[in-house]
Amino acid sequence: MKKPVAIFAILCSTLCFMGCNKATAVDKDGKPAPLSPEVVEQKMQTAGQPAAAQPAAEVPPVKPADPNEVLISVGDAKLVRKDLDAQVNALIKAQNVPAEQIQMAKNYFEQNLARQFVVRTVLMQKATEDQITITDEEKKKRVDEINEQLKKSNTTLEEQLAKSPFGKETAQKEFDDGMLLDKLLKVAVVDKIEVKPEEVKKEIDAIKANNAKVEEENKNLDAKKGEAKKKIEGLKKQIADGADFAKLAKEHSDCPSKEKGGDLGEFQRGQMVKEFEEAAFTQPIGKVGEIVETKFGYHLILVTAKNPAVEAKDGKPAKPETVKASHILVKTPEAQQPRPVPSEKEMMEMLKNRQAQQSIQTYIQDLIKKAKIENKAFPDMKF
């Protein structure tokens, strides 16, 4: 059975915080990833007037933080300022956080590391109380399993631990502790979960019933696509006869942009799917082009403005060619894939894992409630 809880050890702290800074989506070639026409990003620019001059306020001197200040204690275990700062700084450095985002990242990391300290500590204290131990044989087996999984990435557990921003020694301790906590949760929670045969049968029957529904719907795809084509052709004729494009978009488009009369704003090459992009960048301004079919459905596109590319000059950055356009989308249904029907054994494991997730959370919350926790630094934190 697959473990229902992630190993705490393999760079747990780092993995918990990867992706805290959203980056622009890019494709495999490093170019902006195409956006679907119905996903419209609203760009707002705020122009403000300079505030009236105010007399400088007297800023009181900031008292340096005590490096030995106890931020959180769980029984006899303590999280002190210098240790938390060291972990936070290591994460900020490892992720190359931009200067303007450092304070925000610092606050985020502090909260999560502090919460993780509490969870790990109450579990470690319970493992000690219950005399949970890991044998050399168990450790070797787990290391071998992980190394087998890492072969696909052409790396090893030891190499991964060495890359930890906290250092290999700390990462190794996290790994060892993680094995201990996994065993505690298995003994105290997972092994006690029972799934009844009737529950298994009910889930499998539900999958089979849904698959039958999917197959029936897929039979009608051609008819539904024909209806969508007929609708978009009717809208095109209305526009040719003088109907207002924005009004029809509001009434008939299946894209969220309909709220703005179909206006997609300004975009550059690489931000729309290929068929849509080619039409938008080649159509004349002010004229509705031919019906364009994409994976999302049928589109009528109205180009309202074009801006040619500008080369970098006199310290000003280059600007790409852009187009401003509106569109009407009539969606077409996509064929749905039936879900593979698991065996009774597979479904039993799936249901047990599903129950384990909730049971483990409840178990940890109960330990936290019973623990003697003093939290001076993060009064608003919820564990």
Protein backbone atom coordinates (compact mmCIF):
# COMPACT_ATOMS: atom_id res chain seq x y z
CA MET A 1 0.00 0.00 0.00
CA LYS A 2 1.23 3.49 -0.85
CA LYS A 3 2.02 5.64 2.14
CA PRO A 4 -0.85 8.02 2.87
CA VAL A 5 1.40 10.68 4.30
CA ALA A 6 4.41 12.31 2.68
CA ILE A 7 7.84 11.60 4.14
CA PHE A 8 8.81 14.50 6.37
CA ALA A 9 12.46 13.98 5.70
CA ILE A 10 13.36 14.57 2.07
CA LEU A 11 13.80 18.30 2.15
CA CYS A 12 10.35 18.67 3.66
CA SER A 13 10.74 22.32 4.53
CA THR A 14 11.97 23.29 1.11
CA LEU A 15 9.28 21.40 -0.77
CA CYS A 16 6.55 22.92 1.37
CA PHE A 17 7.46 26.40 0.18
CA MET A 18 8.42 25.88 -3.47
CA GLY A 19 6.26 27.98 -5.73
CA CYS A 20 5.33 30.67 -3.23
CA ASN A 21 6.19 33.25 -5.89
CA LYS A 22 4.05 32.94 -8.99
CA ALA A 23 6.01 33.16 -12.20
CA THR A 24 4.86 33.84 -15.74
CA ALA A 25 3.88 30.56 -17.38
CA VAL A 26 6.24 29.49 -20.16
CA ASP A 27 6.27 26.59 -22.57
CA LYS A 28 9.06 24.05 -23.18
CA ASP A 29 10.93 26.54 -25.38
CA GLY A 30 10.90 29.22 -22.72
CA LYS A 31 8.25 31.32 -24.52
CA PRO A 32 5.07 32.62 -22.88
CA ALA A 33 2.64 29.73 -22.56
CA PRO A 34 -0.49 30.11 -24.73
CA LEU A 35 -3.57 31.30 -22.90
CA SER A 36 -7.04 30.23 -23.89
CA PRO A 37 -9.16 33.04 -25.30
CA GLU A 38 -11.63 32.67 -22.45
CA VAL A 39 -8.94 33.29 -19.86
CA VAL A 40 -8.67 37.05 -19.87
CA GLU A 41 -6.32 38.90 -17.57
CA GLN A 42 -7.57 42.29 -16.58
CA LYS A 43 -4.73 44.79 -16.56
CA MET A 44 -5.33 47.83 -14.45
CA GLN A 45 -3.06 50.84 -14.33
CA THR A 46 -3.29 53.26 -11.47
CA ALA A 47 -2.16 56.82 -11.93
CA GLY A 48 -1.84 58.78 -8.71
CA GLN A 49 -0.94 62.35 -7.88
CA PRO A 50 2.00 63.02 -5.57
CA ALA A 51 0.88 63.40 -1.99
CA ALA A 52 1.24 66.70 -0.25
CA ALA A 53 4.48 67.10 1.62
CA GLN A 54 4.21 66.10 5.27
CA PRO A 55 6.64 66.83 8.06
CA ALA A 56 8.91 63.87 8.71
CA ALA A 57 7.74 61.84 11.67
CA GLU A 58 10.21 60.97 14.34
CA VAL A 59 10.93 57.25 14.06
CA PRO A 60 11.75 55.56 17.36
CA PRO A 61 14.87 53.38 17.32
CA VAL A 62 14.22 49.71 16.58
CA LYS A 63 15.40 47.38 19.27
CA PRO A 64 17.50 44.54 17.79
CA ALA A 65 15.84 41.15 18.02
CA ASP A 66 17.19 38.84 20.70
CA PRO A 67 18.69 35.85 18.82
CA ASN A 68 17.90 33.60 21.78
CA GLU A 69 14.27 34.72 22.06
CA VAL A 70 11.94 31.73 22.39
CA LEU A 71 9.26 32.13 19.73
CA ILE A 72 7.33 28.91 20.31
CA SER A 73 7.71 26.14 22.84
CA VAL A 74 6.10 22.70 22.77
CA GLY A 75 6.75 21.12 26.12
CA ASP A 76 10.52 21.23 26.56
CA ALA A 77 11.20 21.80 22.85
CA LYS A 78 11.84 25.41 21.85
CA LEU A 79 12.03 27.31 18.57
CA VAL A 80 14.38 30.27 19.06
CA ARG A 81 14.81 33.34 16.89
CA LYS A 82 18.31 32.59 15.59
CA ASP A 83 17.31 29.10 14.40
CA LEU A 84 14.18 30.32 12.64
CA ASP A 85 16.07 33.22 11.03
CA ALA A 86 18.74 30.82 9.75
CA GLN A 87 16.12 28.60 8.12
CA VAL A 88 14.25 31.53 6.59
CA ASN A 89 17.42 33.09 5.19
CA ALA A 90 18.46 29.75 3.72
CA LEU A 91 15.14 29.42 1.90
CA ILE A 92 15.21 33.00 0.61
CA LYS A 93 18.72 32.48 -0.73
CA ALA A 94 17.89 29.10 -2.28
CA GLN A 95 14.89 30.51 -4.14
CA ASN A 96 16.56 33.74 -5.26
CA VAL A 97 13.70 35.83 -3.91
CA PRO A 98 13.69 39.34 -5.50
CA ALA A 99 14.60 42.15 -3.11
CA GLU A 100 11.13 43.71 -3.27
CA GLN A 101 9.52 40.41 -2.23
CA ILE A 102 11.89 39.44 0.57
CA GLN A 103 9.74 40.77 3.42
CA MET A 104 6.64 39.03 2.09
CA ALA A 105 8.59 35.78 1.62
CA LYS A 106 10.12 36.14 5.07
CA ASN A 107 6.68 36.39 6.69
CA TYR A 108 5.41 33.42 4.71
CA PHE A 109 8.39 31.21 5.52
CA GLU A 110 8.32 32.13 9.21
CA GLN A 111 4.67 31.17 9.56
CA ASN A 112 5.09 27.85 7.77
CA LEU A 113 8.32 26.86 9.49
CA ALA A 114 6.82 27.68 12.88
CA ARG A 115 3.72 25.63 12.11
CA GLN A 116 5.87 22.77 10.88
CA PHE A 117 7.93 22.95 14.08
CA VAL A 118 4.81 22.46 16.17
CA VAL A 119 3.47 19.55 14.10
CA ARG A 120 6.81 17.76 13.92
CA THR A 121 7.48 18.28 17.63
CA VAL A 122 4.16 16.92 18.89
CA LEU A 123 4.61 13.89 16.63
CA MET A 124 8.21 13.30 17.70
CA GLN A 125 7.21 13.55 21.34
CA LYS A 126 4.42 11.03 20.75
CA ALA A 127 6.83 8.70 18.92
CA THR A 128 9.16 8.84 21.93
CA GLU A 129 6.27 8.22 24.31
CA ASP A 130 5.11 5.21 22.27
CA GLN A 131 8.71 3.93 21.93
CA ILE A 132 8.60 3.96 18.12
CA THR A 133 11.98 3.09 16.60
CA ILE A 134 13.41 2.43 13.13
CA THR A 135 15.65 -0.58 12.58
CA ASP A 136 18.65 -0.51 10.26
CA GLU A 137 16.85 -2.95 7.99
CA GLU A 138 13.79 -0.67 7.74
CA LYS A 139 15.95 2.34 6.96
CA LYS A 140 17.90 0.50 4.26
CA LYS A 141 14.67 -0.71 2.65
CA ARG A 142 13.26 2.84 2.53
CA VAL A 143 16.47 4.32 1.15
CA ASP A 144 16.56 1.65 -1.56
CA GLU A 145 12.93 2.39 -2.48
CA ILE A 146 13.62 6.11 -2.81
CA ASN A 147 16.79 5.59 -4.82
CA GLU A 148 14.84 3.34 -7.18
CA GLN A 149 12.27 6.10 -7.68
CA LEU A 150 15.00 8.71 -8.20
CA LYS A 151 16.65 6.70 -10.98
CA LYS A 152 14.22 8.35 -13.42
CA SER A 153 15.77 11.70 -12.50
CA ASN A 154 19.31 10.33 -12.67
CA THR A 155 19.99 11.26 -9.06
CA THR A 156 20.17 9.66 -5.61
CA LEU A 157 18.78 10.36 -2.17
CA GLU A 158 22.22 11.35 -0.92
CA GLU A 159 22.58 13.88 -3.73
CA GLN A 160 19.16 15.31 -2.98
CA LEU A 161 19.93 15.66 0.72
CA ALA A 162 23.17 17.44 -0.16
CA LYS A 163 21.17 20.05 -2.12
CA SER A 164 19.07 21.04 0.88
CA PRO A 165 19.30 24.77 1.64
CA PHE A 166 19.59 23.78 5.30
CA GLY A 167 22.64 21.60 4.70
CA LYS A 168 23.05 17.85 4.32
CA GLU A 169 23.31 17.16 8.05
CA THR A 170 19.98 18.84 8.79
CA ALA A 171 18.35 17.21 5.77
CA GLN A 172 19.58 13.79 6.88
CA LYS A 173 18.08 14.32 10.34
CA GLU A 174 14.78 15.34 8.73
CA PHE A 175 14.85 12.17 6.68
CA ASP A 176 15.48 10.00 9.74
CA ASP A 177 12.80 11.80 11.72
CA GLY A 178 10.42 11.45 8.79
CA MET A 179 10.79 7.69 8.76
CA LEU A 180 10.03 7.62 12.47
CA LEU A 181 6.93 9.78 12.05
CA ASP A 182 5.70 7.71 9.12
CA LYS A 183 5.93 4.61 11.27
CA LEU A 184 4.13 6.33 14.14
CA LEU A 185 1.26 7.37 11.86
CA LYS A 186 1.09 3.91 10.32
CA VAL A 187 0.88 2.20 13.70
CA ALA A 188 -1.36 4.75 15.39
CA VAL A 189 -3.69 5.60 12.49
CA VAL A 190 -3.35 3.83 9.16
CA ASP A 191 -3.28 0.24 10.37
CA LYS A 192 -6.48 0.84 12.34
CA ILE A 193 -8.51 1.94 9.31
CA GLU A 194 -11.02 -0.61 8.04
CA VAL A 195 -12.80 -0.41 4.69
CA LYS A 196 -15.93 -2.51 4.29
CA PRO A 197 -16.43 -4.61 1.12
CA GLU A 198 -19.75 -2.87 0.45
CA GLU A 199 -17.94 0.49 0.36
CA VAL A 200 -15.55 -0.87 -2.24
CA LYS A 201 -18.41 -2.22 -4.37
CA LYS A 202 -20.31 1.08 -4.14
CA GLU A 203 -17.31 3.08 -5.42
CA ILE A 204 -16.61 0.68 -8.29
CA ASP A 205 -20.27 0.65 -9.32
CA ALA A 206 -20.27 4.47 -9.32
CA ILE A 207 -17.26 4.54 -11.68
CA LYS A 208 -18.92 2.06 -14.03
CA ALA A 209 -22.15 4.06 -14.07
CA ASN A 210 -20.29 7.29 -14.81
CA ASN A 211 -18.32 5.62 -17.60
CA ALA A 212 -21.59 4.49 -19.22
CA LYS A 213 -22.84 8.08 -19.05
CA VAL A 214 -19.60 9.37 -20.62
CA GLU A 215 -19.85 6.89 -23.49
CA GLU A 216 -23.43 7.93 -24.17
CA GLU A 217 -22.52 11.62 -24.21
CA ASN A 218 -19.59 10.98 -26.54
CA LYS A 219 -21.99 9.44 -29.08
CA ASN A 220 -23.71 12.81 -29.45
CA LEU A 221 -20.58 14.91 -29.97
CA ASP A 222 -21.02 15.36 -33.72
CA ALA A 223 -24.60 16.53 -33.33
CA LYS A 224 -23.64 19.02 -30.59
CA LYS A 225 -20.71 20.30 -32.63
CA GLY A 226 -23.05 20.81 -35.57
CA GLU A 227 -25.39 22.85 -33.38
CA ALA A 228 -22.48 25.04 -32.25
CA LYS A 229 -21.39 25.60 -35.87
CA LYS A 230 -24.93 26.54 -36.88
CA LYS A 231 -25.12 29.02 -33.99
CA ILE A 232 -21.83 30.78 -34.82
CA GLU A 233 -22.84 31.00 -38.49
CA GLY A 234 -26.10 32.62 -37.45
CA LEU A 235 -24.25 35.17 -35.31
CA LYS A 236 -21.89 35.97 -38.19
CA LYS A 237 -24.86 36.63 -40.47
CA GLN A 238 -26.45 38.93 -37.90
CA ILE A 239 -23.22 40.94 -37.71
CA ALA A 240 -23.05 41.14 -41.51
CA ASP A 241 -26.63 42.46 -41.46
CA GLY A 242 -25.63 45.23 -39.06
CA ALA A 243 -26.04 43.74 -35.57
CA ASP A 244 -23.80 45.13 -32.82
CA PHE A 245 -20.81 42.83 -32.12
CA ALA A 246 -20.51 43.73 -28.42
CA LYS A 247 -24.24 43.22 -27.85
CA LEU A 248 -24.18 39.77 -29.45
CA ALA A 249 -21.08 38.87 -27.44
CA LYS A 250 -22.83 39.76 -24.19
CA GLU A 251 -25.87 37.70 -25.13
CA HIS A 252 -24.28 34.64 -26.76
CA SER A 253 -20.55 34.24 -26.07
CA ASP A 254 -19.38 31.37 -23.87
CA CYS A 255 -16.26 33.30 -22.81
CA PRO A 256 -16.06 35.35 -19.57
CA SER A 257 -15.03 38.29 -21.79
CA LYS A 258 -18.70 38.57 -22.79
CA GLU A 259 -19.16 40.81 -19.73
CA LYS A 260 -17.02 43.36 -21.60
CA GLY A 261 -18.65 42.84 -24.95
CA GLY A 262 -16.08 40.21 -25.90
CA ASP A 263 -13.11 42.53 -25.34
CA LEU A 264 -9.91 40.52 -24.74
CA GLY A 265 -7.69 43.55 -24.36
CA GLU A 266 -4.20 43.74 -25.83
CA PHE A 267 -2.04 40.66 -26.34
CA GLN A 268 1.16 39.61 -28.09
CA ARG A 269 2.14 36.54 -30.04
CA GLY A 270 2.38 33.39 -27.94
CA GLN A 271 -0.45 34.31 -25.58
CA MET A 272 -3.29 32.75 -27.54
CA VAL A 273 -3.74 29.34 -29.14
CA LYS A 274 -2.23 29.10 -32.63
CA GLU A 275 -5.39 29.28 -34.76
CA PHE A 276 -6.75 32.24 -32.81
CA GLU A 277 -3.43 34.07 -32.91
CA GLU A 278 -2.96 33.66 -36.67
CA ALA A 279 -6.40 35.09 -37.37
CA ALA A 280 -6.05 38.00 -34.95
CA PHE A 281 -2.67 39.13 -36.29
CA THR A 282 -3.67 38.88 -39.95
CA GLN A 283 -7.23 40.26 -39.94
CA PRO A 284 -7.78 43.90 -40.91
CA ILE A 285 -8.85 46.33 -38.20
CA GLY A 286 -12.57 46.82 -37.78
CA LYS A 287 -13.70 43.81 -39.81
CA VAL A 288 -15.05 40.53 -38.43
CA GLY A 289 -13.08 37.69 -39.96
CA GLU A 290 -14.07 34.19 -40.97
CA ILE A 291 -15.12 31.67 -38.33
CA VAL A 292 -12.06 30.34 -36.49
CA GLU A 293 -12.09 26.87 -34.92
CA THR A 294 -9.85 26.07 -31.94
CA LYS A 295 -9.89 23.33 -29.34
CA PHE A 296 -12.23 25.55 -27.32
CA GLY A 297 -14.87 25.98 -30.01
CA TYR A 298 -15.83 28.43 -32.76
CA HIS A 299 -14.79 32.09 -32.67
CA LEU A 300 -15.71 35.31 -34.39
CA ILE A 301 -12.86 37.81 -34.01
CA LEU A 302 -13.01 41.58 -34.31
CA VAL A 303 -9.59 43.29 -34.32
CA THR A 304 -9.89 46.82 -32.92
CA ALA A 305 -6.24 47.97 -32.88
CA LYS A 306 -2.74 46.89 -33.89
CA ASN A 307 0.61 48.07 -32.55
CA PRO A 308 3.79 47.25 -34.49
CA ALA A 309 6.91 45.99 -32.77
CA VAL A 310 9.32 48.66 -31.47
CA GLU A 311 13.07 48.14 -31.29
CA ALA A 312 15.04 49.05 -28.20
CA LYS A 313 16.37 52.60 -28.53
CA ASP A 314 17.81 55.33 -26.32
CA GLY A 315 17.58 53.19 -23.21
CA LYS A 316 13.95 52.29 -23.86
CA PRO A 317 13.19 48.55 -23.98
CA ALA A 318 11.90 46.86 -27.10
CA LYS A 319 8.18 46.20 -27.41
CA PRO A 320 6.64 43.26 -29.27
CA GLU A 321 3.92 43.51 -31.88
CA THR A 322 0.49 43.49 -30.21
CA VAL A 323 -3.14 43.29 -31.18
CA LYS A 324 -6.29 44.40 -29.41
CA ALA A 325 -9.34 42.33 -30.21
CA SER A 326 -12.78 41.18 -29.16
CA HIS A 327 -14.36 37.81 -29.85
CA ILE A 328 -17.48 35.72 -29.57
CA LEU A 329 -16.97 32.10 -28.54
CA VAL A 330 -19.41 29.25 -29.01
CA LYS A 331 -17.95 26.28 -27.19
CA THR A 332 -17.88 22.81 -28.65
CA PRO A 333 -17.98 19.73 -26.41
CA GLU A 334 -14.85 17.60 -26.04
CA ALA A 335 -14.83 13.83 -25.90
CA GLN A 336 -14.53 12.65 -22.31
CA GLN A 337 -12.32 9.75 -21.36
CA PRO A 338 -13.84 6.97 -19.28
CA ARG A 339 -12.10 6.34 -15.99
CA PRO A 340 -10.22 3.05 -15.64
CA VAL A 341 -12.11 0.69 -13.36
CA PRO A 342 -9.84 -0.36 -10.48
CA SER A 343 -9.79 -3.86 -9.04
CA GLU A 344 -11.35 -4.47 -5.64
CA LYS A 345 -7.86 -4.56 -4.10
CA GLU A 346 -6.87 -1.27 -5.75
CA MET A 347 -10.10 0.39 -4.67
CA MET A 348 -9.61 -0.91 -1.14
CA GLU A 349 -6.21 0.81 -1.02
CA MET A 350 -7.60 4.01 -2.54
CA LEU A 351 -10.37 4.25 0.04
CA LYS A 352 -8.00 3.45 2.87
CA ASN A 353 -5.62 6.19 1.71
CA ARG A 354 -8.51 8.62 1.40
CA GLN A 355 -9.66 7.90 4.95
CA ALA A 356 -6.10 8.01 6.23
CA GLN A 357 -5.63 11.61 5.08
CA GLN A 358 -8.51 12.83 7.23
CA SER A 359 -7.71 10.51 10.12
CA ILE A 360 -4.09 11.67 10.24
CA GLN A 361 -5.17 15.32 10.31
CA THR A 362 -7.55 14.57 13.18
CA TYR A 363 -4.83 12.64 15.02
CA ILE A 364 -2.36 15.52 14.73
CA GLN A 365 -4.96 18.08 15.81
CA ASP A 366 -5.72 16.00 18.90
CA LEU A 367 -2.02 15.87 19.79
CA ILE A 368 -1.73 19.63 19.38
CA LYS A 369 -4.74 20.24 21.62
CA LYS A 370 -3.23 18.08 24.36
CA ALA A 371 0.27 19.56 24.05
CA LYS A 372 1.55 22.38 26.23
CA ILE A 373 2.24 25.04 23.60
CA GLU A 374 3.39 28.60 24.27
CA ASN A 375 3.25 30.78 21.17
CA LYS A 376 4.53 34.29 21.79
CA ALA A 377 5.61 35.27 18.28
CA PHE A 378 2.66 34.21 16.11
CA PRO A 379 -0.55 34.94 18.02
CA ASP A 380 -2.76 34.73 14.91
CA MET A 381 -1.38 31.38 13.77
CA LYS A 382 -3.76 28.44 13.61
CA PHE A 383 -2.28 24.98 13.94
